PDB file of N, CA and C in Angstrom:
ATOM      1  N   MET A   1      74.588   1.770  -2.245  1.00  0.00           N
ATOM      2  CA  MET A   1      75.602   2.059  -3.230  1.00  0.00           C
ATOM      3  C   MET A   1      75.896   3.553  -3.168  1.00  0.00           C
ATOM      4  N   ILE A   2      77.171   3.873  -3.173  1.00  0.00           N
ATOM      5  CA  ILE A   2      77.546   5.279  -3.154  1.00  0.00           C
ATOM      6  C   ILE A   2      77.672   5.798  -4.584  1.00  0.00           C
ATOM      7  N   THR A   3      77.732   7.087  -4.724  1.00  0.00           N
ATOM      8  CA  THR A   3      77.742   7.720  -6.040  1.00  0.00           C
ATOM      9  C   THR A   3      78.927   7.243  -6.881  1.00  0.00           C
ATOM     10  N   ALA A   4      80.074   7.122  -6.282  1.00  0.00           N
ATOM     11  CA  ALA A   4      81.252   6.707  -7.043  1.00  0.00           C
ATOM     12  C   ALA A   4      81.078   5.309  -7.627  1.00  0.00           C
ATOM     13  N   LEU A   5      80.547   4.388  -6.852  1.00  0.00           N
ATOM     14  CA  LEU A   5      80.313   3.034  -7.362  1.00  0.00           C
ATOM     15  C   LEU A   5      79.268   3.021  -8.465  1.00  0.00           C
ATOM     16  N   PHE A   6      78.237   3.837  -8.312  1.00  0.00           N
ATOM     17  CA  PHE A   6      77.201   3.953  -9.340  1.00  0.00           C
ATOM     18  C   PHE A   6      77.822   4.418 -10.656  1.00  0.00           C
ATOM     19  N   LEU A   7      78.658   5.434 -10.594  1.00  0.00           N
ATOM     20  CA  LEU A   7      79.281   5.965 -11.808  1.00  0.00           C
ATOM     21  C   LEU A   7      80.249   4.971 -12.433  1.00  0.00           C
ATOM     22  N   ILE A   8      80.975   4.233 -11.608  1.00  0.00           N
ATOM     23  CA  ILE A   8      81.887   3.223 -12.144  1.00  0.00           C
ATOM     24  C   ILE A   8      81.105   2.134 -12.874  1.00  0.00           C
ATOM     25  N   GLN A   9      80.007   1.689 -12.287  1.00  0.00           N
ATOM     26  CA  GLN A   9      79.190   0.665 -12.945  1.00  0.00           C
ATOM     27  C   GLN A   9      78.597   1.184 -14.245  1.00  0.00           C
ATOM     28  N   CYS A  10      78.227   2.456 -14.277  1.00  0.00           N
ATOM     29  CA  CYS A  10      77.699   3.049 -15.513  1.00  0.00           C
ATOM     30  C   CYS A  10      78.753   3.028 -16.611  1.00  0.00           C
ATOM     31  N   VAL A  11      79.978   3.386 -16.261  1.00  0.00           N
ATOM     32  CA  VAL A  11      81.059   3.398 -17.249  1.00  0.00           C
ATOM     33  C   VAL A  11      81.331   1.984 -17.750  1.00  0.00           C
ATOM     34  N   LYS A  12      81.227   0.987 -16.874  1.00  0.00           N
ATOM     35  CA  LYS A  12      81.470  -0.403 -17.274  1.00  0.00           C
ATOM     36  C   LYS A  12      80.502  -0.874 -18.349  1.00  0.00           C
ATOM     37  N   VAL A  13      79.258  -0.386 -18.321  1.00  0.00           N
ATOM     38  CA  VAL A  13      78.279  -0.812 -19.325  1.00  0.00           C
ATOM     39  C   VAL A  13      78.173   0.178 -20.473  1.00  0.00           C
ATOM     40  N   GLY A  14      78.982   1.240 -20.442  1.00  0.00           N
ATOM     41  CA  GLY A  14      79.029   2.162 -21.577  1.00  0.00           C
ATOM     42  C   GLY A  14      78.102   3.357 -21.476  1.00  0.00           C
ATOM     43  N   ILE A  15      77.658   3.696 -20.285  1.00  0.00           N
ATOM     44  CA  ILE A  15      76.789   4.861 -20.106  1.00  0.00           C
ATOM     45  C   ILE A  15      77.661   6.040 -19.679  1.00  0.00           C
ATOM     46  N   SER A  16      77.637   7.105 -20.466  1.00  0.00           N
ATOM     47  CA  SER A  16      78.438   8.277 -20.128  1.00  0.00           C
ATOM     48  C   SER A  16      77.689   9.165 -19.137  1.00  0.00           C
ATOM     49  N   ILE A  17      78.410  10.106 -18.565  1.00  0.00           N
ATOM     50  CA  ILE A  17      77.792  11.021 -17.606  1.00  0.00           C
ATOM     51  C   ILE A  17      76.744  11.877 -18.308  1.00  0.00           C
ATOM     52  N   ALA A  18      77.002  12.239 -19.554  1.00  0.00           N
ATOM     53  CA  ALA A  18      76.022  13.017 -20.315  1.00  0.00           C
ATOM     54  C   ALA A  18      74.745  12.204 -20.543  1.00  0.00           C
ATOM     55  N   ASP A  19      74.891  10.898 -20.747  1.00  0.00           N
ATOM     56  CA  ASP A  19      73.724  10.031 -20.938  1.00  0.00           C
ATOM     57  C   ASP A  19      72.887   9.919 -19.675  1.00  0.00           C
ATOM     58  N   LEU A  20      73.531  10.032 -18.516  1.00  0.00           N
ATOM     59  CA  LEU A  20      72.795   9.900 -17.258  1.00  0.00           C
ATOM     60  C   LEU A  20      71.768  11.004 -17.064  1.00  0.00           C
ATOM     61  N   ASP A  21      71.957  12.144 -17.722  1.00  0.00           N
ATOM     62  CA  ASP A  21      70.954  13.205 -17.655  1.00  0.00           C
ATOM     63  C   ASP A  21      69.643  12.770 -18.299  1.00  0.00           C
ATOM     64  N   LEU A  22      69.715  11.818 -19.219  1.00  0.00           N
ATOM     65  CA  LEU A  22      68.539  11.397 -19.978  1.00  0.00           C
ATOM     66  C   LEU A  22      67.901  10.120 -19.445  1.00  0.00           C
ATOM     67  N   LEU A  23      68.561   9.454 -18.488  1.00  0.00           N
ATOM     68  CA  LEU A  23      68.092   8.159 -18.003  1.00  0.00           C
ATOM     69  C   LEU A  23      67.653   8.245 -16.545  1.00  0.00           C
ATOM     70  N   THR A  24      66.705   7.411 -16.190  1.00  0.00           N
ATOM     71  CA  THR A  24      66.309   7.288 -14.788  1.00  0.00           C
ATOM     72  C   THR A  24      67.163   6.208 -14.125  1.00  0.00           C
ATOM     73  N   ILE A  25      67.187   6.203 -12.814  1.00  0.00           N
ATOM     74  CA  ILE A  25      67.941   5.182 -12.091  1.00  0.00           C
ATOM     75  C   ILE A  25      67.376   3.797 -12.398  1.00  0.00           C
ATOM     76  N   GLY A  26      66.070   3.703 -12.502  1.00  0.00           N
ATOM     77  CA  GLY A  26      65.449   2.418 -12.823  1.00  0.00           C
ATOM     78  C   GLY A  26      65.883   1.891 -14.171  1.00  0.00           C
ATOM     79  N   LEU A  27      65.997   2.776 -15.155  1.00  0.00           N
ATOM     80  CA  LEU A  27      66.434   2.346 -16.480  1.00  0.00           C
ATOM     81  C   LEU A  27      67.892   1.906 -16.447  1.00  0.00           C
ATOM     82  N   VAL A  28      68.717   2.604 -15.689  1.00  0.00           N
ATOM     83  CA  VAL A  28      70.123   2.208 -15.543  1.00  0.00           C
ATOM     84  C   VAL A  28      70.213   0.832 -14.882  1.00  0.00           C
ATOM     85  N   LEU A  29      69.408   0.592 -13.860  1.00  0.00           N
ATOM     86  CA  LEU A  29      69.414  -0.725 -13.209  1.00  0.00           C
ATOM     87  C   LEU A  29      68.966  -1.817 -14.177  1.00  0.00           C
ATOM     88  N   ASP A  30      67.990  -1.517 -15.027  1.00  0.00           N
ATOM     89  CA  ASP A  30      67.561  -2.486 -16.043  1.00  0.00           C
ATOM     90  C   ASP A  30      68.691  -2.787 -17.024  1.00  0.00           C
ATOM     91  N   ILE A  31      69.438  -1.759 -17.414  1.00  0.00           N
ATOM     92  CA  ILE A  31      70.563  -1.956 -18.321  1.00  0.00           C
ATOM     93  C   ILE A  31      71.607  -2.849 -17.666  1.00  0.00           C
ATOM     94  N   TRP A  32      71.891  -2.616 -16.383  1.00  0.00           N
ATOM     95  CA  TRP A  32      72.847  -3.461 -15.662  1.00  0.00           C
ATOM     96  C   TRP A  32      72.373  -4.904 -15.636  1.00  0.00           C
ATOM     97  N   THR A  33      71.085  -5.108 -15.381  1.00  0.00           N
ATOM     98  CA  THR A  33      70.536  -6.468 -15.318  1.00  0.00           C
ATOM     99  C   THR A  33      70.676  -7.166 -16.662  1.00  0.00           C
ATOM    100  N   GLU A  34      70.322  -6.468 -17.727  1.00  0.00           N
ATOM    101  CA  GLU A  34      70.432  -7.061 -19.059  1.00  0.00           C
ATOM    102  C   GLU A  34      71.882  -7.360 -19.417  1.00  0.00           C
ATOM    103  N   LYS A  35      72.783  -6.498 -19.022  1.00  0.00           N
ATOM    104  CA  LYS A  35      74.205  -6.724 -19.279  1.00  0.00           C
ATOM    105  C   LYS A  35      74.673  -7.984 -18.535  1.00  0.00           C
ATOM    106  N   GLY A  36      74.165  -8.188 -17.331  1.00  0.00           N
ATOM    107  CA  GLY A  36      74.520  -9.382 -16.575  1.00  0.00           C
ATOM    108  C   GLY A  36      73.983 -10.655 -17.197  1.00  0.00           C
ATOM    109  N   ASN A  37      72.896 -10.553 -17.932  1.00  0.00           N
ATOM    110  CA  ASN A  37      72.296 -11.717 -18.582  1.00  0.00           C
ATOM    111  C   ASN A  37      72.891 -12.015 -19.951  1.00  0.00           C
ATOM    112  N   ASP A  38      73.797 -11.177 -20.431  1.00  0.00           N
ATOM    113  CA  ASP A  38      74.363 -11.375 -21.765  1.00  0.00           C
ATOM    114  C   ASP A  38      75.099 -12.700 -21.899  1.00  0.00           C
ATOM    115  N   SER A  39      75.717 -13.171 -20.833  1.00  0.00           N
ATOM    116  CA  SER A  39      76.488 -14.407 -20.927  1.00  0.00           C
ATOM    117  C   SER A  39      75.638 -15.662 -20.721  1.00  0.00           C
ATOM    118  N   PHE A  40      74.354 -15.497 -20.392  1.00  0.00           N
ATOM    119  CA  PHE A  40      73.481 -16.646 -20.161  1.00  0.00           C
ATOM    120  C   PHE A  40      73.126 -17.302 -21.479  1.00  0.00           C
ATOM    121  N   ASP A  41      73.245 -18.602 -21.531  1.00  0.00           N
ATOM    122  CA  ASP A  41      72.933 -19.348 -22.740  1.00  0.00           C
ATOM    123  C   ASP A  41      71.487 -19.827 -22.670  1.00  0.00           C
ATOM    124  N   TYR A  42      70.593 -19.097 -23.328  1.00  0.00           N
ATOM    125  CA  TYR A  42      69.186 -19.460 -23.316  1.00  0.00           C
ATOM    126  C   TYR A  42      68.956 -20.685 -24.197  1.00  0.00           C
ATOM    127  N   PRO A  43      68.134 -21.615 -23.733  1.00  0.00           N
ATOM    128  CA  PRO A  43      67.863 -22.799 -24.559  1.00  0.00           C
ATOM    129  C   PRO A  43      67.015 -22.419 -25.772  1.00  0.00           C
ATOM    130  N   SER A  44      67.254 -23.102 -26.858  1.00  0.00           N
ATOM    131  CA  SER A  44      66.461 -22.819 -28.054  1.00  0.00           C
ATOM    132  C   SER A  44      65.178 -23.655 -27.993  1.00  0.00           C
ATOM    133  N   TYR A  45      64.079 -22.994 -28.169  1.00  0.00           N
ATOM    134  CA  TYR A  45      62.776 -23.648 -28.130  1.00  0.00           C
ATOM    135  C   TYR A  45      62.211 -23.761 -29.540  1.00  0.00           C
ATOM    136  N   THR A  46      61.368 -24.735 -29.722  1.00  0.00           N
ATOM    137  CA  THR A  46      60.702 -24.858 -31.008  1.00  0.00           C
ATOM    138  C   THR A  46      59.427 -24.024 -30.987  1.00  0.00           C
ATOM    139  N   VAL A  47      58.974 -23.653 -32.138  1.00  0.00           N
ATOM    140  CA  VAL A  47      57.754 -22.865 -32.252  1.00  0.00           C
ATOM    141  C   VAL A  47      56.562 -23.776 -31.987  1.00  0.00           C
ATOM    142  N   ALA A  48      55.635 -23.290 -31.205  1.00  0.00           N
ATOM    143  CA  ALA A  48      54.455 -24.091 -30.872  1.00  0.00           C
ATOM    144  C   ALA A  48      53.578 -24.286 -32.103  1.00  0.00           C
ATOM    145  N   ASP A  49      53.026 -25.492 -32.218  1.00  0.00           N
ATOM    146  CA  ASP A  49      52.092 -25.762 -33.307  1.00  0.00           C
ATOM    147  C   ASP A  49      50.665 -25.746 -32.745  1.00  0.00           C
ATOM    148  N   GLN A  50      49.700 -26.039 -33.569  1.00  0.00           N
ATOM    149  CA  GLN A  50      48.308 -25.980 -33.138  1.00  0.00           C
ATOM    150  C   GLN A  50      48.019 -26.984 -32.029  1.00  0.00           C
ATOM    151  N   ALA A  51      48.647 -28.136 -32.080  1.00  0.00           N
ATOM    152  CA  ALA A  51      48.418 -29.144 -31.043  1.00  0.00           C
ATOM    153  C   ALA A  51      48.899 -28.655 -29.684  1.00  0.00           C
ATOM    154  N   ALA A  52      49.990 -27.928 -29.657  1.00  0.00           N
ATOM    155  CA  ALA A  52      50.492 -27.371 -28.385  1.00  0.00           C
ATOM    156  C   ALA A  52      49.516 -26.346 -27.840  1.00  0.00           C
ATOM    157  N   PHE A  53      48.964 -25.516 -28.718  1.00  0.00           N
ATOM    158  CA  PHE A  53      47.981 -24.528 -28.266  1.00  0.00           C
ATOM    159  C   PHE A  53      46.699 -25.203 -27.772  1.00  0.00           C
ATOM    160  N   ASP A  54      46.308 -26.278 -28.427  1.00  0.00           N
ATOM    161  CA  ASP A  54      45.111 -27.005 -27.984  1.00  0.00           C
ATOM    162  C   ASP A  54      45.327 -27.623 -26.605  1.00  0.00           C
ATOM    163  N   ARG A  55      46.533 -28.141 -26.338  1.00  0.00           N
ATOM    164  CA  ARG A  55      46.833 -28.694 -25.026  1.00  0.00           C
ATOM    165  C   ARG A  55      46.863 -27.594 -23.950  1.00  0.00           C
ATOM    166  N   PHE A  56      47.268 -26.418 -24.353  1.00  0.00           N
ATOM    167  CA  PHE A  56      47.333 -25.307 -23.411  1.00  0.00           C
ATOM    168  C   PHE A  56      45.942 -24.929 -22.954  1.00  0.00           C
TER     169      PHE A  56
END
């Protein structure tokens, strides 16, 4: 990835150039990943009861 593409992707997720002074590349990549997962519909799970823990 070239610098221009990196900066464009940062702007797409709302990270300003001033914010980049405070963030690491790894943290920016994590933000991109989480942004990509925003549209995923996670299934709703029920809370485990004691019987589920006993089976575990």
